[in-house]
Each structure stands twice: as structure tokens, then as C-alpha cells.
Amino acid sequence: MVDMRARYARILDGGQAVAVDGLVLLTGLYLAVSPWVVGFTGTAPRLAVNDLILGLAVAIIGLGLAQAPLVMYRLSWAMVGIGGWTVVAPFAMSSAYDNTRGVVNNVIAGGLTVLLGLCAVAMLMSAARRART
């Protein structure tokens, strides 16, 4: 068991893991502040609140991945779902659909969140595979 933890630690302390964790954190922070940066808080307030909450959730997941990657493994999958909802949210919220800036912002930020979530899952699955051998 100790040997397995040591292998996980070696793999997940590498430069790739640090880069993915940092990008997840930055993506979450951007998503949280994007309604004010892009400027769609007045035209799509429900989408702005949605982005704030989901952005904070992604940022917290990014912090968790950096601090305790083994515990946060399943939440990497949640990031994929959060990113998917972020892409779909402007279309699901009819008032936000008319806001082109909000739609483009959410599609890009959501796609990036899905991609980073899949990268984190792949990295952690690879670490699990290597730890078993």
C-alpha cells in the first residue's frame, strides 16, 4: 500500500499534473468572473449566476486536485459534466440565448472545462494503472 501511494505521488507531482491543476483553477476562476468581464450580467442574469456558481465549483475542484488528487478522482468526472452543462446552459436558459457574447463565452469555457476534466481523468487513470504494476 505504501509503495502504491509512492508511485501515485511520483506521477501526480510531475509537471503535467501541476499544469492541468493550474489550468483547471484558472478556468474555474475565469468562468466565475466571465459575466462581468464579457459583460452579459444585465442581459442574462440567470446565466451570470450559473457561471459564477459553476466557476467557483471548478476552481474548488482544481484546488482539490492539486492538494489531494487521489481523493478528487471522481470529481474530475464531475468537471466533464459541469463543462457540458456550461456549453448547454445558454441554450437551456431562453433569455440567455439572445446574448451572443454569453453563448460564445460559455461554449469556449465549457469546452475547455470538458477537455481539462478529461485530461485530469486520463492522468489519474494512468497513475492508477502504473501503481498496480
N, C-alpha and C. Protein backbone atom coordinates (compact mmCIF):
# COMPACT_ATOMS: atom_id res chain seq x y z
N MET A 1 0.82 -1.19 0.00
CA MET A 1 0.00 0.00 0.00
C MET A 1 0.87 1.26 0.00
N VAL A 2 1.92 1.25 0.80
CA VAL A 2 2.82 2.40 0.86
C VAL A 2 3.52 2.59 -0.48
N ASP A 3 3.90 1.48 -1.10
CA ASP A 3 4.56 1.55 -2.40
C ASP A 3 3.62 2.13 -3.45
N MET A 4 2.34 1.75 -3.41
CA MET A 4 1.37 2.25 -4.36
C MET A 4 1.18 3.76 -4.19
N ARG A 5 1.10 4.22 -2.96
CA ARG A 5 0.97 5.66 -2.71
C ARG A 5 2.20 6.42 -3.20
N ALA A 6 3.36 5.84 -3.05
CA ALA A 6 4.60 6.48 -3.51
C ALA A 6 4.59 6.62 -5.04
N ARG A 7 4.11 5.59 -5.74
CA ARG A 7 4.02 5.67 -7.20
C ARG A 7 3.03 6.75 -7.63
N TYR A 8 1.87 6.78 -6.98
CA TYR A 8 0.89 7.83 -7.27
C TYR A 8 1.52 9.21 -7.07
N ALA A 9 2.21 9.37 -5.97
CA ALA A 9 2.81 10.66 -5.65
C ALA A 9 3.82 11.08 -6.71
N ARG A 10 4.65 10.15 -7.18
CA ARG A 10 5.64 10.47 -8.21
C ARG A 10 4.97 10.92 -9.50
N ILE A 11 3.92 10.22 -9.89
CA ILE A 11 3.25 10.52 -11.15
C ILE A 11 2.48 11.83 -11.05
N LEU A 12 1.76 12.02 -9.95
CA LEU A 12 0.89 13.18 -9.83
C LEU A 12 1.59 14.44 -9.35
N ASP A 13 2.85 14.34 -8.99
CA ASP A 13 3.61 15.53 -8.63
C ASP A 13 4.41 16.05 -9.82
N GLY A 14 4.25 15.43 -10.96
CA GLY A 14 5.00 15.83 -12.15
C GLY A 14 4.48 17.13 -12.74
N GLY A 15 5.20 17.61 -13.75
CA GLY A 15 4.85 18.87 -14.40
C GLY A 15 3.51 18.84 -15.09
N GLN A 16 3.15 17.70 -15.68
CA GLN A 16 1.86 17.60 -16.37
C GLN A 16 0.71 17.80 -15.39
N ALA A 17 0.77 17.15 -14.25
CA ALA A 17 -0.30 17.26 -13.27
C ALA A 17 -0.41 18.68 -12.74
N VAL A 18 0.71 19.31 -12.49
CA VAL A 18 0.69 20.69 -12.00
C VAL A 18 0.09 21.62 -13.05
N ALA A 19 0.43 21.40 -14.31
CA ALA A 19 -0.12 22.23 -15.39
C ALA A 19 -1.63 22.06 -15.50
N VAL A 20 -2.10 20.82 -15.47
CA VAL A 20 -3.55 20.58 -15.57
C VAL A 20 -4.27 21.18 -14.37
N ASP A 21 -3.74 20.97 -13.17
CA ASP A 21 -4.38 21.53 -11.97
C ASP A 21 -4.45 23.05 -12.03
N GLY A 22 -3.37 23.66 -12.48
CA GLY A 22 -3.34 25.12 -12.59
C GLY A 22 -4.32 25.63 -13.63
N LEU A 23 -4.40 24.94 -14.77
CA LEU A 23 -5.34 25.34 -15.81
C LEU A 23 -6.79 25.15 -15.37
N VAL A 24 -7.05 24.10 -14.61
CA VAL A 24 -8.41 23.89 -14.08
C VAL A 24 -8.78 25.03 -13.14
N LEU A 25 -7.87 25.40 -12.27
CA LEU A 25 -8.12 26.50 -11.34
C LEU A 25 -8.37 27.80 -12.10
N LEU A 26 -7.52 28.11 -13.07
CA LEU A 26 -7.68 29.35 -13.84
C LEU A 26 -8.97 29.35 -14.66
N THR A 27 -9.32 28.22 -15.23
CA THR A 27 -10.56 28.13 -16.00
C THR A 27 -11.76 28.36 -15.10
N GLY A 28 -11.74 27.78 -13.91
CA GLY A 28 -12.83 27.99 -12.97
C GLY A 28 -12.95 29.44 -12.53
N LEU A 29 -11.83 30.06 -12.25
CA LEU A 29 -11.86 31.47 -11.85
C LEU A 29 -12.34 32.35 -13.00
N TYR A 30 -11.89 32.04 -14.22
CA TYR A 30 -12.37 32.82 -15.36
C TYR A 30 -13.88 32.65 -15.54
N LEU A 31 -14.35 31.42 -15.46
CA LEU A 31 -15.78 31.18 -15.63
C LEU A 31 -16.59 31.93 -14.58
N ALA A 32 -16.06 32.01 -13.36
CA ALA A 32 -16.77 32.71 -12.29
C ALA A 32 -16.87 34.21 -12.55
N VAL A 33 -15.84 34.81 -13.11
CA VAL A 33 -15.85 36.27 -13.33
C VAL A 33 -16.24 36.65 -14.75
N SER A 34 -16.39 35.70 -15.64
CA SER A 34 -16.65 35.99 -17.05
C SER A 34 -17.92 36.82 -17.31
N PRO A 35 -18.99 36.65 -16.54
CA PRO A 35 -20.15 37.50 -16.83
C PRO A 35 -19.83 39.00 -16.72
N TRP A 36 -18.94 39.34 -15.83
CA TRP A 36 -18.58 40.74 -15.65
C TRP A 36 -17.49 41.15 -16.63
N VAL A 37 -16.60 40.23 -16.97
CA VAL A 37 -15.54 40.53 -17.93
C VAL A 37 -16.11 40.68 -19.33
N VAL A 38 -16.95 39.75 -19.73
CA VAL A 38 -17.54 39.77 -21.06
C VAL A 38 -18.70 40.75 -21.13
N GLY A 39 -19.39 40.93 -20.03
CA GLY A 39 -20.45 41.94 -19.96
C GLY A 39 -21.84 41.46 -20.32
N PHE A 40 -22.25 40.33 -19.80
CA PHE A 40 -23.62 39.89 -20.05
C PHE A 40 -24.44 39.73 -18.78
N THR A 41 -24.02 40.40 -17.70
CA THR A 41 -24.78 40.29 -16.45
C THR A 41 -26.14 40.97 -16.56
N GLY A 42 -26.24 42.04 -17.30
CA GLY A 42 -27.51 42.75 -17.44
C GLY A 42 -28.47 42.07 -18.38
N THR A 43 -27.95 41.46 -19.44
CA THR A 43 -28.82 40.85 -20.44
C THR A 43 -29.17 39.39 -20.13
N ALA A 44 -28.34 38.72 -19.34
CA ALA A 44 -28.58 37.31 -19.00
C ALA A 44 -28.21 37.07 -17.53
N PRO A 45 -29.00 37.60 -16.60
CA PRO A 45 -28.62 37.47 -15.19
C PRO A 45 -28.63 36.03 -14.67
N ARG A 46 -29.53 35.20 -15.17
CA ARG A 46 -29.54 33.80 -14.71
C ARG A 46 -28.29 33.06 -15.19
N LEU A 47 -27.86 33.35 -16.40
CA LEU A 47 -26.64 32.75 -16.92
C LEU A 47 -25.43 33.24 -16.13
N ALA A 48 -25.44 34.50 -15.72
CA ALA A 48 -24.34 35.05 -14.94
C ALA A 48 -24.22 34.34 -13.59
N VAL A 49 -25.35 34.12 -12.94
CA VAL A 49 -25.33 33.40 -11.66
C VAL A 49 -24.88 31.96 -11.86
N ASN A 50 -25.37 31.34 -12.91
CA ASN A 50 -24.97 29.98 -13.25
C ASN A 50 -23.45 29.90 -13.43
N ASP A 51 -22.89 30.83 -14.19
CA ASP A 51 -21.45 30.83 -14.45
C ASP A 51 -20.66 31.08 -13.17
N LEU A 52 -21.15 31.96 -12.33
CA LEU A 52 -20.46 32.25 -11.06
C LEU A 52 -20.39 30.99 -10.20
N ILE A 53 -21.50 30.32 -10.03
CA ILE A 53 -21.55 29.11 -9.19
C ILE A 53 -20.70 27.99 -9.78
N LEU A 54 -20.85 27.73 -11.07
CA LEU A 54 -20.09 26.65 -11.69
C LEU A 54 -18.60 26.97 -11.75
N GLY A 55 -18.27 28.23 -11.97
CA GLY A 55 -16.86 28.62 -11.99
C GLY A 55 -16.21 28.41 -10.64
N LEU A 56 -16.90 28.77 -9.57
CA LEU A 56 -16.36 28.54 -8.23
C LEU A 56 -16.22 27.04 -7.96
N ALA A 57 -17.19 26.25 -8.43
CA ALA A 57 -17.10 24.79 -8.25
C ALA A 57 -15.88 24.22 -8.97
N VAL A 58 -15.64 24.66 -10.19
CA VAL A 58 -14.48 24.17 -10.96
C VAL A 58 -13.19 24.62 -10.28
N ALA A 59 -13.14 25.85 -9.80
CA ALA A 59 -11.94 26.33 -9.11
C ALA A 59 -11.67 25.51 -7.84
N ILE A 60 -12.72 25.16 -7.11
CA ILE A 60 -12.55 24.34 -5.91
C ILE A 60 -12.06 22.94 -6.28
N ILE A 61 -12.58 22.40 -7.36
CA ILE A 61 -12.11 21.10 -7.83
C ILE A 61 -10.63 21.19 -8.21
N GLY A 62 -10.24 22.28 -8.87
CA GLY A 62 -8.83 22.48 -9.23
C GLY A 62 -7.94 22.53 -8.01
N LEU A 63 -8.38 23.23 -6.98
CA LEU A 63 -7.60 23.26 -5.73
C LEU A 63 -7.52 21.87 -5.11
N GLY A 64 -8.63 21.16 -5.14
CA GLY A 64 -8.66 19.81 -4.59
C GLY A 64 -7.75 18.86 -5.35
N LEU A 65 -7.73 18.99 -6.68
CA LEU A 65 -6.84 18.14 -7.48
C LEU A 65 -5.39 18.41 -7.16
N ALA A 66 -5.08 19.65 -6.87
CA ALA A 66 -3.69 19.99 -6.52
C ALA A 66 -3.31 19.48 -5.14
N GLN A 67 -4.26 19.47 -4.21
CA GLN A 67 -3.97 19.10 -2.83
C GLN A 67 -4.10 17.60 -2.57
N ALA A 68 -5.15 16.98 -3.10
CA ALA A 68 -5.41 15.56 -2.82
C ALA A 68 -5.94 14.88 -4.09
N PRO A 69 -5.08 14.61 -5.07
CA PRO A 69 -5.56 14.07 -6.34
C PRO A 69 -6.25 12.72 -6.23
N LEU A 70 -5.82 11.88 -5.31
CA LEU A 70 -6.44 10.56 -5.18
C LEU A 70 -7.88 10.66 -4.70
N VAL A 71 -8.14 11.60 -3.82
CA VAL A 71 -9.48 11.79 -3.27
C VAL A 71 -10.39 12.45 -4.31
N MET A 72 -9.83 13.31 -5.13
CA MET A 72 -10.62 14.10 -6.07
C MET A 72 -10.84 13.41 -7.42
N TYR A 73 -10.44 12.17 -7.53
CA TYR A 73 -10.54 11.45 -8.80
C TYR A 73 -11.95 11.52 -9.39
N ARG A 74 -12.95 11.21 -8.60
CA ARG A 74 -14.32 11.18 -9.11
C ARG A 74 -14.83 12.56 -9.48
N LEU A 75 -14.34 13.58 -8.83
CA LEU A 75 -14.77 14.93 -9.17
C LEU A 75 -14.17 15.40 -10.50
N SER A 76 -13.14 14.72 -10.97
CA SER A 76 -12.64 15.02 -12.30
C SER A 76 -13.73 14.69 -13.33
N TRP A 77 -14.46 13.61 -13.07
CA TRP A 77 -15.58 13.28 -13.94
C TRP A 77 -16.68 14.32 -13.83
N ALA A 78 -16.88 14.86 -12.64
CA ALA A 78 -17.89 15.90 -12.45
C ALA A 78 -17.55 17.14 -13.27
N MET A 79 -16.27 17.42 -13.42
CA MET A 79 -15.86 18.55 -14.24
C MET A 79 -16.32 18.40 -15.68
N VAL A 80 -16.30 17.19 -16.17
CA VAL A 80 -16.77 16.94 -17.53
C VAL A 80 -18.27 17.29 -17.63
N GLY A 81 -19.03 16.89 -16.63
CA GLY A 81 -20.45 17.24 -16.61
C GLY A 81 -20.69 18.73 -16.45
N ILE A 82 -19.91 19.37 -15.59
CA ILE A 82 -20.04 20.82 -15.41
C ILE A 82 -19.72 21.54 -16.72
N GLY A 83 -18.68 21.11 -17.39
CA GLY A 83 -18.33 21.72 -18.67
C GLY A 83 -19.41 21.52 -19.71
N GLY A 84 -19.99 20.32 -19.74
CA GLY A 84 -21.10 20.06 -20.67
C GLY A 84 -22.29 20.94 -20.40
N TRP A 85 -22.65 21.10 -19.12
CA TRP A 85 -23.77 21.98 -18.78
C TRP A 85 -23.44 23.43 -19.12
N THR A 86 -22.19 23.83 -18.93
CA THR A 86 -21.80 25.20 -19.25
C THR A 86 -22.00 25.49 -20.74
N VAL A 87 -21.73 24.50 -21.59
CA VAL A 87 -21.96 24.67 -23.02
C VAL A 87 -23.45 24.75 -23.33
N VAL A 88 -24.25 23.94 -22.68
CA VAL A 88 -25.68 23.85 -22.97
C VAL A 88 -26.49 24.95 -22.30
N ALA A 89 -26.00 25.49 -21.19
CA ALA A 89 -26.77 26.43 -20.37
C ALA A 89 -27.34 27.63 -21.13
N PRO A 90 -26.58 28.29 -22.01
CA PRO A 90 -27.17 29.44 -22.70
C PRO A 90 -28.37 29.06 -23.57
N PHE A 91 -28.36 27.85 -24.09
CA PHE A 91 -29.46 27.41 -24.92
C PHE A 91 -30.64 26.94 -24.08
N ALA A 92 -30.36 26.43 -22.88
CA ALA A 92 -31.42 25.97 -21.98
C ALA A 92 -32.13 27.13 -21.30
N MET A 93 -31.41 28.23 -21.12
CA MET A 93 -31.98 29.42 -20.50
C MET A 93 -32.37 30.37 -21.63
N SER A 94 -33.66 30.41 -21.95
CA SER A 94 -34.11 31.11 -23.15
C SER A 94 -33.72 32.58 -23.18
N SER A 95 -33.65 33.25 -22.03
CA SER A 95 -33.29 34.67 -22.05
C SER A 95 -31.82 34.86 -22.40
N ALA A 96 -30.99 33.85 -22.11
CA ALA A 96 -29.58 33.97 -22.41
C ALA A 96 -29.28 33.66 -23.87
N TYR A 97 -30.18 32.98 -24.54
CA TYR A 97 -29.94 32.57 -25.91
C TYR A 97 -29.75 33.76 -26.84
N ASP A 98 -30.38 34.88 -26.54
CA ASP A 98 -30.28 36.06 -27.39
C ASP A 98 -28.96 36.79 -27.21
N ASN A 99 -28.17 36.41 -26.23
CA ASN A 99 -26.93 37.08 -25.92
C ASN A 99 -25.76 36.34 -26.56
N THR A 100 -25.27 36.84 -27.68
CA THR A 100 -24.21 36.17 -28.41
C THR A 100 -22.92 36.07 -27.60
N ARG A 101 -22.56 37.14 -26.88
CA ARG A 101 -21.33 37.11 -26.09
C ARG A 101 -21.40 36.03 -25.01
N GLY A 102 -22.55 35.91 -24.36
CA GLY A 102 -22.72 34.88 -23.33
C GLY A 102 -22.64 33.48 -23.90
N VAL A 103 -23.23 33.28 -25.06
CA VAL A 103 -23.21 31.97 -25.70
C VAL A 103 -21.78 31.59 -26.09
N VAL A 104 -21.08 32.49 -26.76
CA VAL A 104 -19.71 32.20 -27.19
C VAL A 104 -18.82 31.96 -25.97
N ASN A 105 -18.94 32.80 -24.95
CA ASN A 105 -18.15 32.65 -23.74
C ASN A 105 -18.38 31.28 -23.11
N ASN A 106 -19.63 30.88 -22.97
CA ASN A 106 -19.94 29.61 -22.32
C ASN A 106 -19.51 28.41 -23.15
N VAL A 107 -19.63 28.50 -24.45
CA VAL A 107 -19.22 27.38 -25.30
C VAL A 107 -17.71 27.18 -25.19
N ILE A 108 -16.95 28.26 -25.21
CA ILE A 108 -15.49 28.15 -25.11
C ILE A 108 -15.07 27.69 -23.72
N ALA A 109 -15.59 28.34 -22.67
CA ALA A 109 -15.22 27.97 -21.30
C ALA A 109 -15.69 26.56 -20.96
N GLY A 110 -16.88 26.19 -21.40
CA GLY A 110 -17.38 24.84 -21.15
C GLY A 110 -16.59 23.78 -21.88
N GLY A 111 -16.23 24.06 -23.13
CA GLY A 111 -15.41 23.11 -23.89
C GLY A 111 -14.05 22.92 -23.25
N LEU A 112 -13.46 24.01 -22.78
CA LEU A 112 -12.17 23.92 -22.11
C LEU A 112 -12.29 23.14 -20.80
N THR A 113 -13.38 23.32 -20.08
CA THR A 113 -13.60 22.59 -18.83
C THR A 113 -13.76 21.10 -19.10
N VAL A 114 -14.49 20.74 -20.14
CA VAL A 114 -14.63 19.33 -20.51
C VAL A 114 -13.27 18.75 -20.87
N LEU A 115 -12.50 19.47 -21.68
CA LEU A 115 -11.19 18.99 -22.10
C LEU A 115 -10.25 18.81 -20.91
N LEU A 116 -10.21 19.77 -20.00
CA LEU A 116 -9.36 19.65 -18.82
C LEU A 116 -9.84 18.54 -17.88
N GLY A 117 -11.15 18.37 -17.77
CA GLY A 117 -11.68 17.28 -16.97
C GLY A 117 -11.26 15.93 -17.52
N LEU A 118 -11.33 15.78 -18.84
CA LEU A 118 -10.91 14.53 -19.46
C LEU A 118 -9.40 14.31 -19.31
N CYS A 119 -8.63 15.39 -19.39
CA CYS A 119 -7.18 15.28 -19.17
C CYS A 119 -6.88 14.82 -17.75
N ALA A 120 -7.58 15.39 -16.77
CA ALA A 120 -7.36 15.00 -15.37
C ALA A 120 -7.75 13.55 -15.15
N VAL A 121 -8.87 13.13 -15.73
CA VAL A 121 -9.30 11.73 -15.60
C VAL A 121 -8.27 10.80 -16.24
N ALA A 122 -7.81 11.14 -17.43
CA ALA A 122 -6.83 10.29 -18.12
C ALA A 122 -5.53 10.19 -17.33
N MET A 123 -5.10 11.31 -16.77
CA MET A 123 -3.87 11.30 -15.99
C MET A 123 -4.01 10.46 -14.73
N LEU A 124 -5.13 10.58 -14.06
CA LEU A 124 -5.35 9.81 -12.84
C LEU A 124 -5.55 8.33 -13.14
N MET A 125 -6.20 8.01 -14.25
CA MET A 125 -6.34 6.60 -14.64
C MET A 125 -4.99 6.00 -14.99
N SER A 126 -4.16 6.78 -15.67
CA SER A 126 -2.82 6.31 -16.00
C SER A 126 -2.01 6.07 -14.73
N ALA A 127 -2.13 6.97 -13.76
CA ALA A 127 -1.43 6.80 -12.50
C ALA A 127 -1.91 5.54 -11.77
N ALA A 128 -3.22 5.29 -11.83
CA ALA A 128 -3.77 4.09 -11.18
C ALA A 128 -3.24 2.83 -11.85
N ARG A 129 -3.17 2.84 -13.18
CA ARG A 129 -2.66 1.70 -13.91
C ARG A 129 -1.18 1.43 -13.56
N ARG A 130 -0.40 2.48 -13.52
CA ARG A 130 1.02 2.34 -13.22
C ARG A 130 1.24 1.90 -11.78
N ALA A 131 0.37 2.33 -10.87
CA ALA A 131 0.52 1.96 -9.47
C ALA A 131 0.22 0.48 -9.25
N ARG A 132 -0.64 -0.08 -10.09
CA ARG A 132 -0.99 -1.50 -9.93
C ARG A 132 0.12 -2.42 -10.43
N THR A 133 0.97 -1.91 -11.31
CA THR A 133 2.02 -2.78 -11.86
C THR A 133 3.31 -2.69 -11.08
